[in-house]
Amino acid sequence: MRKLPPLNGLRAFEAAARHLSFTKAAEELNVTQSAISHQIRALEDRLGVRLFRRLNQMLVLTDAGQLLLPSVREAFDRLAAGLDRIMGQERAGVLTISVSPSFARLWLMTRIGRFRERHPDIHLRISVSQHDIDFARETDIDLGLRHGLGSWDGLRADRFLTDDVFPVCSPMLLQGANPLTDPTDLRHHVLLNDTQHTYWTDWLPAAGLHDLRPSAELAFDDIGIAIEAAVNGQGIAMGRATLVADELSAGRLLRLFGDAVPADFGCYVVCPEETADRPKIAAFRAWIQEEGAAAMKTAPSL
């Protein structure tokens, strides 16, 4: 085990030796001149040698001080370089984000280029998963994008999207034997369900359709697949406004009947509390909140 003098004494010695002034060393280290004198005296007592002497009202290094200074300066330079490398990794390097397949495909991928342009030194790795990441176990994941109520123990959760939900379908379903002209026409069609939420259960009573029985129902574990099935004319899906905005703009989907209900869940960017303010993590959190605010301004609403 190394027996080293206190770090404060070595810092005081290096600063005083560099400036050849206790006063300037105190200003640099934001302490009093008497504190510098005390720390250097304690260091000299620890080493058993004098490190400075005054000559014609000037501070000069003794032979022992001149011998010690290069080693102390090199040690601080190497320490500073190591800290710079660590901070560089915190500001840049790889940032790994866990996200569901549907959200990655329908929302994140159309926007992620703007983050890369703003932060070219941060290299993104997108981990696609249906399950919520356990940050304690999956330590290579920095951030997660989750859809929920925002209460996850031990995690910092910042909401960046709030959605409305409404029925959507392909334009082809407005034609044929059972065109969709009224909410009651849903009884002739397939309802596409997202098993993770109760959007149809919430929307039907709100539209006055308490006893509606569709011709069939088709359930998916992933809302993105339900939306794709709707694009392909397989039935009517409940679309979250932020996820179907591009499909609506392109005309691949149509919003039906005008009625919408607020989604119970929101979209959150989550990470462990202790890492939330690391520079590259904070940069992504700030960026996605900006993107979320912009998306909600342009998304179809109630």
Protein backbone atom coordinates (compact mmCIF):
# COMPACT_ATOMS: atom_id res chain seq x y z
CA MET A 1 0.00 0.00 0.00
CA ARG A 2 1.39 3.40 -1.01
CA LYS A 3 2.03 5.82 1.85
CA LEU A 4 1.46 9.18 0.22
CA PRO A 5 1.09 12.62 1.80
CA PRO A 6 -2.35 14.24 1.73
CA LEU A 7 -3.40 15.33 -1.77
CA ASN A 8 -4.24 18.87 -0.62
CA GLY A 9 -0.65 19.38 0.53
CA LEU A 10 0.72 18.20 -2.80
CA ARG A 11 -1.72 20.47 -4.70
CA ALA A 12 -0.67 23.44 -2.58
CA PHE A 13 3.02 22.65 -3.16
CA GLU A 14 2.60 22.28 -6.95
CA ALA A 15 0.64 25.53 -7.30
CA ALA A 16 3.04 27.48 -5.06
CA ALA A 17 6.06 26.06 -6.88
CA ARG A 18 4.58 26.94 -10.26
CA HIS A 19 3.77 30.53 -9.26
CA LEU A 20 6.59 30.90 -6.70
CA SER A 21 3.95 32.62 -4.63
CA PHE A 22 1.74 31.47 -1.78
CA THR A 23 -0.68 34.29 -2.58
CA LYS A 24 -1.16 33.29 -6.23
CA ALA A 25 -1.43 29.60 -5.25
CA ALA A 26 -4.20 30.52 -2.78
CA GLU A 27 -6.08 32.46 -5.48
CA GLU A 28 -5.83 29.54 -7.91
CA LEU A 29 -7.04 26.97 -5.38
CA ASN A 30 -9.66 29.33 -3.91
CA VAL A 31 -8.34 29.10 -0.36
CA THR A 32 -6.61 31.54 1.98
CA GLN A 33 -2.88 32.19 1.96
CA SER A 34 -2.67 30.88 5.52
CA ALA A 35 -4.27 27.61 4.35
CA ILE A 36 -1.55 27.23 1.72
CA SER A 37 1.14 27.93 4.32
CA HIS A 38 -0.39 25.39 6.70
CA GLN A 39 -0.69 22.67 4.04
CA ILE A 40 2.89 23.14 2.84
CA ARG A 41 4.21 23.20 6.42
CA ALA A 42 2.35 19.94 7.11
CA LEU A 43 3.83 18.44 3.93
CA GLU A 44 7.34 19.52 4.94
CA ASP A 45 6.87 18.01 8.40
CA ARG A 46 5.63 14.79 6.79
CA LEU A 47 8.66 14.61 4.48
CA GLY A 48 11.17 15.91 7.02
CA VAL A 49 12.62 18.51 4.62
CA ARG A 50 12.03 22.16 3.75
CA LEU A 51 10.58 22.71 0.25
CA PHE A 52 10.68 26.54 0.06
CA ARG A 53 12.80 29.34 1.41
CA ARG A 54 12.63 33.09 1.10
CA LEU A 55 15.52 34.88 -0.58
CA ASN A 56 15.50 38.68 -0.92
CA GLN A 57 11.71 38.72 -0.39
CA MET A 58 11.32 36.08 -3.11
CA LEU A 59 10.02 32.53 -2.72
CA VAL A 60 12.42 29.93 -4.12
CA LEU A 61 12.50 26.14 -4.11
CA THR A 62 15.05 24.31 -2.02
CA ASP A 63 17.02 21.44 -3.54
CA ALA A 64 14.40 19.06 -2.11
CA GLY A 65 11.58 21.14 -3.61
CA GLN A 66 13.26 21.14 -7.03
CA LEU A 67 13.65 17.37 -6.80
CA LEU A 68 10.01 16.84 -5.81
CA LEU A 69 8.35 19.25 -8.26
CA PRO A 70 8.78 17.26 -11.55
CA SER A 71 7.30 14.10 -10.01
CA VAL A 72 4.34 15.94 -8.50
CA ARG A 73 3.70 17.89 -11.71
CA GLU A 74 3.85 14.71 -13.82
CA ALA A 75 1.47 12.94 -11.42
CA PHE A 76 -1.08 15.76 -11.62
CA ASP A 77 -0.72 15.96 -15.40
CA ARG A 78 -1.39 12.23 -15.72
CA LEU A 79 -4.32 12.45 -13.32
CA ALA A 80 -5.79 15.36 -15.31
CA ALA A 81 -5.34 13.45 -18.57
CA GLY A 82 -7.11 10.41 -17.12
CA LEU A 83 -9.99 12.54 -15.87
CA ASP A 84 -10.23 14.24 -19.28
CA ARG A 85 -10.49 10.84 -20.95
CA ILE A 86 -13.28 9.82 -18.58
CA MET A 87 -15.16 13.08 -19.08
CA GLY A 88 -14.67 12.73 -22.83
CA GLN A 89 -16.39 9.36 -22.69
CA GLU A 90 -19.20 10.92 -20.66
CA ARG A 91 -19.68 13.68 -23.25
CA ALA A 92 -19.24 11.41 -26.26
CA GLY A 93 -18.74 7.73 -27.06
CA VAL A 94 -21.47 5.09 -27.31
CA LEU A 95 -24.99 5.77 -26.01
CA THR A 96 -27.22 2.69 -25.90
CA ILE A 97 -31.00 3.16 -25.96
CA SER A 98 -33.63 0.47 -25.43
CA VAL A 99 -36.87 0.99 -27.37
CA SER A 100 -39.81 -1.11 -28.54
CA PRO A 101 -39.88 -2.18 -32.20
CA SER A 102 -43.04 -0.21 -32.99
CA PHE A 103 -41.87 3.02 -31.44
CA ALA A 104 -38.46 2.74 -33.09
CA ARG A 105 -40.03 2.15 -36.50
CA LEU A 106 -42.95 4.55 -36.38
CA TRP A 107 -41.48 7.48 -34.46
CA LEU A 108 -37.82 7.40 -33.45
CA MET A 109 -36.15 6.43 -36.73
CA THR A 110 -37.71 9.33 -38.65
CA ARG A 111 -36.16 11.79 -36.19
CA ILE A 112 -32.92 10.27 -34.91
CA GLY A 113 -30.84 11.88 -37.67
CA ARG A 114 -31.41 15.27 -36.07
CA PHE A 115 -29.83 14.07 -32.83
CA ARG A 116 -26.82 12.71 -34.72
CA GLU A 117 -26.37 16.03 -36.50
CA ARG A 118 -26.46 17.92 -33.22
CA HIS A 119 -24.17 15.48 -31.36
CA PRO A 120 -21.83 13.88 -33.92
CA ASP A 121 -19.46 12.65 -31.17
CA ILE A 122 -22.18 10.51 -29.56
CA HIS A 123 -22.47 7.13 -31.26
CA LEU A 124 -25.96 5.69 -30.86
CA ARG A 125 -26.73 2.01 -30.44
CA ILE A 126 -30.43 1.18 -30.62
CA SER A 127 -31.43 -1.95 -28.71
CA VAL A 128 -34.89 -3.10 -29.83
CA SER A 129 -36.84 -5.02 -27.21
CA GLN A 130 -40.45 -5.60 -26.21
CA HIS A 131 -39.66 -5.86 -22.49
CA ASP A 132 -38.71 -3.12 -20.06
CA ILE A 133 -34.99 -3.15 -19.47
CA ASP A 134 -33.66 -4.00 -16.01
CA PHE A 135 -30.90 -1.40 -15.69
CA ALA A 136 -29.34 -3.16 -12.71
CA ARG A 137 -28.89 -6.35 -14.75
CA GLU A 138 -28.42 -4.97 -18.27
CA THR A 139 -25.68 -2.50 -17.43
CA ASP A 140 -24.81 -1.75 -21.06
CA ILE A 141 -28.13 0.10 -21.54
CA ASP A 142 -27.99 3.84 -20.83
CA LEU A 143 -31.57 4.90 -21.53
CA GLY A 144 -34.97 3.41 -22.20
CA LEU A 145 -38.00 4.77 -24.03
CA ARG A 146 -41.12 3.44 -22.30
CA HIS A 147 -44.86 3.74 -22.68
CA GLY A 148 -46.60 3.77 -19.33
CA LEU A 149 -47.78 5.77 -16.35
CA GLY A 150 -44.33 7.11 -15.47
CA SER A 151 -43.82 5.41 -12.10
CA TRP A 152 -40.80 3.11 -12.10
CA ASP A 153 -38.94 2.70 -8.81
CA GLY A 154 -35.39 4.05 -8.80
CA LEU A 155 -35.64 5.52 -12.30
CA ARG A 156 -35.71 9.07 -13.55
CA ALA A 157 -38.71 9.27 -15.92
CA ASP A 158 -39.31 12.34 -18.11
CA ARG A 159 -42.50 12.41 -20.14
CA PHE A 160 -41.95 13.58 -23.70
CA LEU A 161 -45.16 12.54 -25.48
CA THR A 162 -48.83 12.57 -24.56
CA ASP A 163 -51.21 10.99 -27.06
CA ASP A 164 -54.80 10.98 -28.19
CA VAL A 165 -56.18 7.72 -29.55
CA PHE A 166 -58.72 7.28 -32.38
CA PRO A 167 -59.74 4.71 -35.02
CA VAL A 168 -57.76 4.56 -38.26
CA CYS A 169 -58.11 2.45 -41.38
CA SER A 170 -56.94 2.12 -44.95
CA PRO A 171 -58.80 4.21 -47.55
CA MET A 172 -59.85 0.95 -49.22
CA LEU A 173 -62.26 0.24 -46.33
CA LEU A 174 -64.36 3.27 -47.29
CA GLN A 175 -65.44 1.37 -50.38
CA GLY A 176 -67.07 -2.00 -50.98
CA ALA A 177 -70.18 -3.60 -49.56
CA ASN A 178 -69.80 -2.13 -46.06
CA PRO A 179 -68.24 1.33 -46.35
CA LEU A 180 -67.33 3.06 -43.09
CA THR A 181 -69.57 6.10 -43.00
CA ASP A 182 -70.84 5.92 -39.42
CA PRO A 183 -69.44 4.44 -36.16
CA THR A 184 -72.12 1.76 -36.18
CA ASP A 185 -70.59 0.44 -39.44
CA LEU A 186 -67.74 -0.96 -37.34
CA ARG A 187 -69.94 -4.02 -36.73
CA HIS A 188 -69.21 -5.15 -40.28
CA HIS A 189 -65.42 -4.96 -39.88
CA VAL A 190 -62.45 -6.47 -38.06
CA LEU A 191 -61.21 -4.55 -35.02
CA LEU A 192 -57.43 -4.71 -34.60
CA ASN A 193 -56.51 -4.80 -30.92
CA ASP A 194 -53.31 -3.91 -29.10
CA THR A 195 -53.16 -6.36 -26.19
CA GLN A 196 -51.01 -4.00 -24.12
CA HIS A 197 -53.79 -1.39 -23.81
CA THR A 198 -57.57 -1.02 -23.67
CA TYR A 199 -57.99 1.59 -26.38
CA TRP A 200 -61.03 0.00 -28.05
CA THR A 201 -62.61 -0.65 -24.65
CA ASP A 202 -62.22 3.04 -23.83
CA TRP A 203 -63.21 4.42 -27.22
CA LEU A 204 -66.37 2.42 -27.97
CA PRO A 205 -68.35 3.56 -24.89
CA ALA A 206 -67.11 7.15 -25.41
CA ALA A 207 -68.58 6.98 -28.94
CA GLY A 208 -71.91 5.63 -27.60
CA LEU A 209 -71.27 2.10 -28.90
CA HIS A 210 -71.69 0.17 -25.66
CA ASP A 211 -73.01 -3.03 -27.26
CA LEU A 212 -71.21 -3.04 -30.62
CA ARG A 213 -70.09 -6.47 -31.80
CA PRO A 214 -67.58 -6.41 -34.69
CA SER A 215 -67.48 -9.10 -37.35
CA ALA A 216 -64.14 -10.27 -35.88
CA GLU A 217 -61.23 -9.16 -33.75
CA LEU A 218 -57.51 -9.61 -34.31
CA ALA A 219 -55.07 -9.02 -31.46
CA PHE A 220 -51.38 -8.08 -31.55
CA ASP A 221 -48.77 -7.70 -28.81
CA ASP A 222 -47.24 -4.77 -30.70
CA ILE A 223 -49.28 -1.69 -31.62
CA GLY A 224 -46.97 -1.11 -34.57
CA ILE A 225 -48.07 -4.40 -36.14
CA ALA A 226 -51.72 -3.49 -35.58
CA ILE A 227 -51.13 -0.20 -37.38
CA GLU A 228 -49.38 -1.97 -40.26
CA ALA A 229 -52.30 -4.39 -40.50
CA ALA A 230 -54.64 -1.39 -40.77
CA VAL A 231 -52.47 0.11 -43.54
CA ASN A 232 -52.85 -3.20 -45.40
CA GLY A 233 -56.63 -3.12 -45.13
CA GLN A 234 -56.92 -5.94 -42.58
CA GLY A 235 -59.22 -3.99 -40.26
CA ILE A 236 -59.56 -0.90 -38.11
CA ALA A 237 -56.89 -0.11 -35.52
CA MET A 238 -56.79 2.33 -32.63
CA GLY A 239 -53.97 4.66 -33.54
CA ARG A 240 -51.95 6.79 -31.14
CA ALA A 241 -51.75 10.24 -32.70
CA THR A 242 -47.97 10.52 -32.58
CA LEU A 243 -47.45 7.05 -34.09
CA VAL A 244 -49.86 7.40 -37.02
CA ALA A 245 -49.13 11.02 -37.97
CA ASP A 246 -46.83 10.06 -40.87
CA GLU A 247 -49.26 7.42 -42.18
CA LEU A 248 -52.11 9.94 -42.07
CA SER A 249 -50.05 12.59 -43.85
CA ALA A 250 -49.11 10.13 -46.59
CA GLY A 251 -52.72 9.01 -47.05
CA ARG A 252 -52.00 5.40 -46.16
CA LEU A 253 -54.38 5.71 -43.22
CA LEU A 254 -57.52 7.73 -42.60
CA ARG A 255 -58.83 8.94 -39.28
CA LEU A 256 -62.39 7.78 -38.73
CA PHE A 257 -65.37 9.62 -37.25
CA GLY A 258 -63.46 12.45 -35.59
CA ASP A 259 -63.84 11.14 -32.03
CA ALA A 260 -60.75 10.55 -29.91
CA VAL A 261 -59.94 9.70 -26.31
CA PRO A 262 -56.83 10.66 -24.35
CA ALA A 263 -54.42 7.77 -23.98
CA ASP A 264 -53.96 6.66 -20.40
CA PHE A 265 -50.23 6.11 -20.86
CA GLY A 266 -47.52 8.52 -22.02
CA CYS A 267 -44.07 8.09 -23.52
CA TYR A 268 -41.13 8.53 -21.15
CA VAL A 269 -37.37 8.57 -21.42
CA VAL A 270 -36.06 6.65 -18.41
CA CYS A 271 -32.70 5.95 -16.82
CA PRO A 272 -31.29 5.32 -13.34
CA GLU A 273 -31.42 8.43 -11.14
CA GLU A 274 -27.68 8.32 -10.53
CA THR A 275 -26.80 8.53 -14.25
CA ALA A 276 -29.50 10.94 -15.44
CA ASP A 277 -27.23 14.00 -15.52
CA ARG A 278 -24.24 12.45 -17.26
CA PRO A 279 -23.53 14.70 -20.25
CA LYS A 280 -24.38 12.36 -23.12
CA ILE A 281 -27.47 11.01 -21.31
CA ALA A 282 -28.66 14.51 -20.45
CA ALA A 283 -28.11 15.53 -24.09
CA PHE A 284 -30.41 12.79 -25.36
CA ARG A 285 -33.03 13.49 -22.69
CA ALA A 286 -33.10 17.18 -23.64
CA TRP A 287 -33.25 16.40 -27.38
CA ILE A 288 -36.10 13.90 -27.19
CA GLN A 289 -38.17 16.25 -25.05
CA GLU A 290 -37.75 18.92 -27.74
CA GLU A 291 -38.78 16.42 -30.42
CA GLY A 292 -41.76 15.30 -28.37
CA ALA A 293 -42.98 18.87 -27.91
CA ALA A 294 -42.68 19.51 -31.65
CA ALA A 295 -44.47 16.24 -32.51
CA MET A 296 -47.40 17.00 -30.23
CA LYS A 297 -47.86 20.40 -31.88
CA THR A 298 -48.34 18.79 -35.29
CA ALA A 299 -50.00 15.50 -34.32
CA PRO A 300 -53.77 15.02 -34.90
CA SER A 301 -55.61 15.87 -31.69
CA LEU A 302 -58.98 15.74 -30.02
